[in-house]
Protein backbone atom coordinates (compact mmCIF):
# COMPACT_ATOMS: atom_id res chain seq x y z
CA MET A 1 -8.32 7.48 -4.68
CA GLU A 2 -11.62 5.77 -5.91
CA GLU A 3 -12.63 2.40 -4.46
CA ASN A 4 -10.44 -0.51 -5.87
CA SER A 5 -7.38 1.59 -6.82
CA VAL A 6 -3.96 0.23 -6.63
CA VAL A 7 -1.83 2.27 -4.33
CA TYR A 8 1.33 0.22 -5.09
CA HIS A 9 1.96 -3.31 -6.35
CA GLN A 10 4.11 -6.01 -4.83
CA GLY A 11 7.47 -5.77 -6.25
CA ASP A 12 7.17 -2.07 -7.41
CA GLU A 13 10.24 0.09 -6.55
CA GLY A 14 9.84 1.87 -3.31
CA ARG A 15 8.91 5.45 -3.73
CA GLY A 16 8.06 6.39 -0.24
CA PHE A 17 5.53 5.49 2.53
CA PHE A 18 1.67 6.48 2.78
CA LEU A 19 -0.70 7.53 5.62
CA LEU A 20 -4.50 6.51 5.12
CA PHE A 21 -6.41 9.62 6.19
CA THR A 22 -9.87 8.46 5.43
CA GLY A 23 -11.25 5.36 3.64
CA GLY A 24 -9.92 1.99 3.59
CA ILE A 25 -7.00 -0.15 2.44
CA LYS A 26 -6.38 -3.84 2.19
CA ILE A 27 -2.75 -5.15 2.09
CA THR A 28 -2.39 -8.37 -0.15
CA LEU A 29 0.32 -10.59 -0.80
CA PHE A 30 1.18 -12.93 -3.75
CA SER A 31 2.61 -16.22 -3.05
CA GLN A 32 5.21 -17.94 -5.30
CA GLU A 33 2.54 -19.91 -6.82
CA GLY A 34 0.61 -16.67 -7.80
CA VAL A 35 -2.12 -17.15 -5.13
CA GLU A 36 -3.26 -13.67 -3.77
CA ARG A 37 -4.29 -13.40 -0.15
CA THR A 38 -5.32 -10.57 2.09
CA VAL A 39 -2.90 -10.04 5.16
CA ASN A 40 -3.96 -6.87 6.58
CA TYR A 41 -6.51 -4.05 6.45
CA VAL A 42 -5.14 -0.49 7.35
CA PRO A 43 -7.15 1.60 9.76
CA GLU A 44 -7.51 5.23 9.17
CA GLY A 45 -4.84 7.16 10.51
CA MET A 46 -2.13 4.50 10.26
CA LEU A 47 1.13 4.46 7.99
CA PHE A 48 1.58 1.69 5.37
CA GLY A 49 4.13 0.92 2.58
CA GLU A 50 6.93 1.71 4.99
CA HIS A 51 9.35 -0.68 3.38
CA GLY A 52 9.09 1.90 0.33
CA ALA A 53 10.84 4.53 2.51
CA ARG A 54 14.15 2.73 2.12
CA LYS A 55 13.56 2.66 -1.74
CA GLU A 56 13.29 -1.24 -1.43
CA ALA A 57 10.65 -2.96 -3.69
CA TYR A 58 7.23 -3.11 -1.94
CA LEU A 59 6.72 -6.48 -0.20
CA THR A 60 2.85 -6.32 -0.57
CA SER A 61 0.22 -4.69 -2.57
CA ALA A 62 -2.11 -2.00 -1.20
CA ILE A 63 -5.82 -1.62 -2.74
CA THR A 64 -8.41 0.87 -1.71
CA THR A 65 -11.64 -0.86 -0.28
CA SER A 66 -13.61 2.43 -0.41
CA PRO A 67 -12.97 5.96 -1.65
CA SER A 68 -9.91 7.15 0.26
CA VAL A 69 -7.74 10.08 1.12
CA ILE A 70 -4.11 9.03 1.25
CA TYR A 71 -1.05 11.04 1.90
CA HIS A 72 2.19 9.97 0.20
CA PHE A 73 5.62 10.83 1.73
CA GLN A 74 8.17 10.70 -0.83
CA MET A 75 11.83 10.12 0.11
CA LYS A 76 14.32 12.36 -1.32
CA HIS A 77 17.23 10.80 -3.32
């Protein structure tokens, strides 16, 4: 994925989880007032978006900070 690409948005229906193979991901959170803040950076080799594995809404947003290779593990119905 290119830099500044959205992997998932906060509130999107869960569709699985992800592994950052190379590149960078920042995890952001919008408050109820609509203020966005960065809450984490995902290091290479780490999973993220695990709450999507239960088909629950994503609690955060994930955005690439550099060109990235991301693996998506989709959950079966």
